[in-house]
Amino acid sequence: MADTEGWKDKPGLVCRNVTVSGRRTSLRMEPLLWDSLKDICDRENCTLNELCTMIDRRRGDANLTASIRVFIVSYFRSAVPKHPAGFGEASEVKPSPRLRRALQDAIPLDD
């Protein structure tokens, strides 16, 4: 997995250049999303430019950056198995370690 430690100390959005369908463009996203794209590229054995081109070809009229964000959520969501039916009744809900980690990473509490 990409190194996401310390990403909270970086600026809110990071601008990077990518080549999409042979054209150079810049994208602004949160550091954690850039790290996530790198993870996906490593897992799928493709380059960032190749992945962004694949997303670009399927996005229709949607904004490229927004399409990439949705893709990242969809990719990792498809990797996590769903709980069996009936799991998680309101009185039984307890955050899983995965949920706690995601909340901690995405929305750190002020100490």
C-alpha atoms as a PDB file:
ATOM      1  CA  MET A   1       0.000   0.000   0.000  1.00  0.00           C
ATOM      2  CA  ALA A   2       1.156   3.547  -0.667  1.00  0.00           C
ATOM      3  CA  ASP A   3       2.579   5.533   2.201  1.00  0.00           C
ATOM      4  CA  THR A   4      -0.314   7.606   3.527  1.00  0.00           C
ATOM      5  CA  GLU A   5       1.409   8.436   6.806  1.00  0.00           C
ATOM      6  CA  GLY A   6       1.768  12.149   7.178  1.00  0.00           C
ATOM      7  CA  TRP A   7      -0.641  12.971   4.342  1.00  0.00           C
ATOM      8  CA  LYS A   8      -2.728  15.003   6.793  1.00  0.00           C
ATOM      9  CA  ASP A   9       0.193  17.422   7.123  1.00  0.00           C
ATOM     10  CA  LYS A  10       0.172  18.165   3.387  1.00  0.00           C
ATOM     11  CA  PRO A  11      -1.923  20.865   1.699  1.00  0.00           C
ATOM     12  CA  GLY A  12      -5.601  20.138   1.125  1.00  0.00           C
ATOM     13  CA  LEU A  13      -5.253  19.565  -2.618  1.00  0.00           C
ATOM     14  CA  VAL A  14      -2.245  18.482  -4.635  1.00  0.00           C
ATOM     15  CA  CYS A  15      -1.958  19.299  -8.330  1.00  0.00           C
ATOM     16  CA  ARG A  16      -0.254  16.754 -10.590  1.00  0.00           C
ATOM     17  CA  ASN A  17       0.169  16.437 -14.333  1.00  0.00           C
ATOM     18  CA  VAL A  18      -1.053  13.321 -16.102  1.00  0.00           C
ATOM     19  CA  THR A  19      -1.331  12.344 -19.729  1.00  0.00           C
ATOM     20  CA  VAL A  20      -4.856  11.287 -20.661  1.00  0.00           C
ATOM     21  CA  SER A  21      -5.505   9.904 -24.145  1.00  0.00           C
ATOM     22  CA  GLY A  22      -2.234  11.473 -25.306  1.00  0.00           C
ATOM     23  CA  ARG A  23      -3.033  14.929 -23.880  1.00  0.00           C
ATOM     24  CA  ARG A  24      -1.315  16.416 -20.864  1.00  0.00           C
ATOM     25  CA  THR A  25      -3.661  17.751 -18.193  1.00  0.00           C
ATOM     26  CA  SER A  26      -3.478  18.598 -14.528  1.00  0.00           C
ATOM     27  CA  LEU A  27      -5.639  17.179 -11.758  1.00  0.00           C
ATOM     28  CA  ARG A  28      -6.130  18.479  -8.217  1.00  0.00           C
ATOM     29  CA  MET A  29      -6.978  15.941  -5.551  1.00  0.00           C
ATOM     30  CA  GLU A  30      -6.344  15.214  -1.891  1.00  0.00           C
ATOM     31  CA  PRO A  31      -3.055  13.434  -1.079  1.00  0.00           C
ATOM     32  CA  LEU A  32      -4.917  10.341   0.165  1.00  0.00           C
ATOM     33  CA  LEU A  33      -6.627  10.013  -3.224  1.00  0.00           C
ATOM     34  CA  TRP A  34      -3.301  10.261  -5.053  1.00  0.00           C
ATOM     35  CA  ASP A  35      -1.955   7.544  -2.747  1.00  0.00           C
ATOM     36  CA  SER A  36      -5.029   5.443  -3.458  1.00  0.00           C
ATOM     37  CA  LEU A  37      -4.543   5.787  -7.224  1.00  0.00           C
ATOM     38  CA  LYS A  38      -0.934   4.681  -6.831  1.00  0.00           C
ATOM     39  CA  ASP A  39      -2.120   1.644  -4.835  1.00  0.00           C
ATOM     40  CA  ILE A  40      -4.592   0.742  -7.569  1.00  0.00           C
ATOM     41  CA  CYS A  41      -1.950   1.129 -10.286  1.00  0.00           C
ATOM     42  CA  ASP A  42       0.424  -1.118  -8.328  1.00  0.00           C
ATOM     43  CA  ARG A  43      -2.294  -3.730  -7.800  1.00  0.00           C
ATOM     44  CA  GLU A  44      -3.421  -3.646 -11.439  1.00  0.00           C
ATOM     45  CA  ASN A  45       0.079  -3.374 -12.944  1.00  0.00           C
ATOM     46  CA  CYS A  46      -0.674  -0.215 -14.919  1.00  0.00           C
ATOM     47  CA  THR A  47       0.593   3.342 -14.986  1.00  0.00           C
ATOM     48  CA  LEU A  48      -1.233   6.372 -13.649  1.00  0.00           C
ATOM     49  CA  ASN A  49      -1.605   7.687 -17.200  1.00  0.00           C
ATOM     50  CA  GLU A  50      -3.097   4.385 -18.388  1.00  0.00           C
ATOM     51  CA  LEU A  51      -5.568   4.263 -15.508  1.00  0.00           C
ATOM     52  CA  CYS A  52      -6.649   7.888 -15.969  1.00  0.00           C
ATOM     53  CA  THR A  53      -7.120   7.233 -19.706  1.00  0.00           C
ATOM     54  CA  MET A  54      -9.345   4.220 -18.955  1.00  0.00           C
ATOM     55  CA  ILE A  55     -11.458   6.317 -16.599  1.00  0.00           C
ATOM     56  CA  ASP A  56     -11.577   9.198 -19.101  1.00  0.00           C
ATOM     57  CA  ARG A  57     -12.935   6.937 -21.853  1.00  0.00           C
ATOM     58  CA  ARG A  58     -15.870   5.872 -19.658  1.00  0.00           C
ATOM     59  CA  ARG A  59     -16.809   9.116 -17.908  1.00  0.00           C
ATOM     60  CA  GLY A  60     -19.104  10.647 -20.524  1.00  0.00           C
ATOM     61  CA  ASP A  61     -19.854  14.286 -19.656  1.00  0.00           C
ATOM     62  CA  ALA A  62     -18.722  13.973 -16.030  1.00  0.00           C
ATOM     63  CA  ASN A  63     -15.733  15.903 -14.713  1.00  0.00           C
ATOM     64  CA  LEU A  64     -12.524  13.822 -14.897  1.00  0.00           C
ATOM     65  CA  THR A  65     -11.427  14.531 -11.340  1.00  0.00           C
ATOM     66  CA  ALA A  66     -14.872  13.674  -9.965  1.00  0.00           C
ATOM     67  CA  SER A  67     -14.907  10.490 -12.070  1.00  0.00           C
ATOM     68  CA  ILE A  68     -11.535   9.470 -10.645  1.00  0.00           C
ATOM     69  CA  ARG A  69     -12.786  10.022  -7.087  1.00  0.00           C
ATOM     70  CA  VAL A  70     -15.875   7.895  -7.751  1.00  0.00           C
ATOM     71  CA  PHE A  71     -13.714   5.220  -9.385  1.00  0.00           C
ATOM     72  CA  ILE A  72     -11.431   5.020  -6.336  1.00  0.00           C
ATOM     73  CA  VAL A  73     -14.406   4.526  -4.007  1.00  0.00           C
ATOM     74  CA  SER A  74     -15.922   1.943  -6.363  1.00  0.00           C
ATOM     75  CA  TYR A  75     -12.634   0.034  -6.712  1.00  0.00           C
ATOM     76  CA  PHE A  76     -12.021  -0.354  -3.006  1.00  0.00           C
ATOM     77  CA  ARG A  77     -15.707  -0.891  -2.247  1.00  0.00           C
ATOM     78  CA  SER A  78     -15.770  -3.822  -4.675  1.00  0.00           C
ATOM     79  CA  ALA A  79     -12.747  -5.293  -2.869  1.00  0.00           C
ATOM     80  CA  VAL A  80     -14.499  -5.451   0.501  1.00  0.00           C
ATOM     81  CA  PRO A  81     -17.056  -8.247   0.972  1.00  0.00           C
ATOM     82  CA  LYS A  82     -20.532  -7.233   2.039  1.00  0.00           C
ATOM     83  CA  HIS A  83     -21.859  -8.399   5.387  1.00  0.00           C
ATOM     84  CA  PRO A  84     -24.442 -11.189   5.377  1.00  0.00           C
ATOM     85  CA  ALA A  85     -28.114 -10.212   5.495  1.00  0.00           C
ATOM     86  CA  GLY A  86     -29.336  -9.332   8.964  1.00  0.00           C
ATOM     87  CA  PHE A  87     -25.912  -8.312  10.185  1.00  0.00           C
ATOM     88  CA  GLY A  88     -25.621  -5.038  11.997  1.00  0.00           C
ATOM     89  CA  GLU A  89     -28.960  -4.534  13.688  1.00  0.00           C
ATOM     90  CA  ALA A  90     -29.093  -1.027  15.161  1.00  0.00           C
ATOM     91  CA  SER A  91     -28.451  -2.240  18.702  1.00  0.00           C
ATOM     92  CA  GLU A  92     -25.507  -4.403  17.573  1.00  0.00           C
ATOM     93  CA  VAL A  93     -23.626  -1.894  15.440  1.00  0.00           C
ATOM     94  CA  LYS A  94     -19.999  -1.579  16.467  1.00  0.00           C
ATOM     95  CA  PRO A  95     -17.437   0.030  14.210  1.00  0.00           C
ATOM     96  CA  SER A  96     -15.146  -2.543  12.661  1.00  0.00           C
ATOM     97  CA  PRO A  97     -11.381  -1.986  12.774  1.00  0.00           C
ATOM     98  CA  ARG A  98     -11.574  -1.105   9.058  1.00  0.00           C
ATOM     99  CA  LEU A  99     -14.231   1.565   9.706  1.00  0.00           C
ATOM    100  CA  ARG A 100     -12.343   3.005  12.659  1.00  0.00           C
ATOM    101  CA  ARG A 101      -9.135   3.201  10.573  1.00  0.00           C
ATOM    102  CA  ALA A 102     -10.910   4.875   7.652  1.00  0.00           C
ATOM    103  CA  LEU A 103     -12.494   7.443   9.944  1.00  0.00           C
ATOM    104  CA  GLN A 104      -9.180   8.087  11.675  1.00  0.00           C
ATOM    105  CA  ASP A 105      -7.353   8.490   8.354  1.00  0.00           C
ATOM    106  CA  ALA A 106     -10.000  10.605   6.637  1.00  0.00           C
ATOM    107  CA  ILE A 107     -11.226  12.734   9.532  1.00  0.00           C
ATOM    108  CA  PRO A 108      -8.608  12.999  12.248  1.00  0.00           C
ATOM    109  CA  LEU A 109      -9.757  14.201  15.650  1.00  0.00           C
ATOM    110  CA  ASP A 110      -8.028  17.213  17.109  1.00  0.00           C
ATOM    111  CA  ASP A 111      -5.924  16.079  20.030  1.00  0.00           C
END
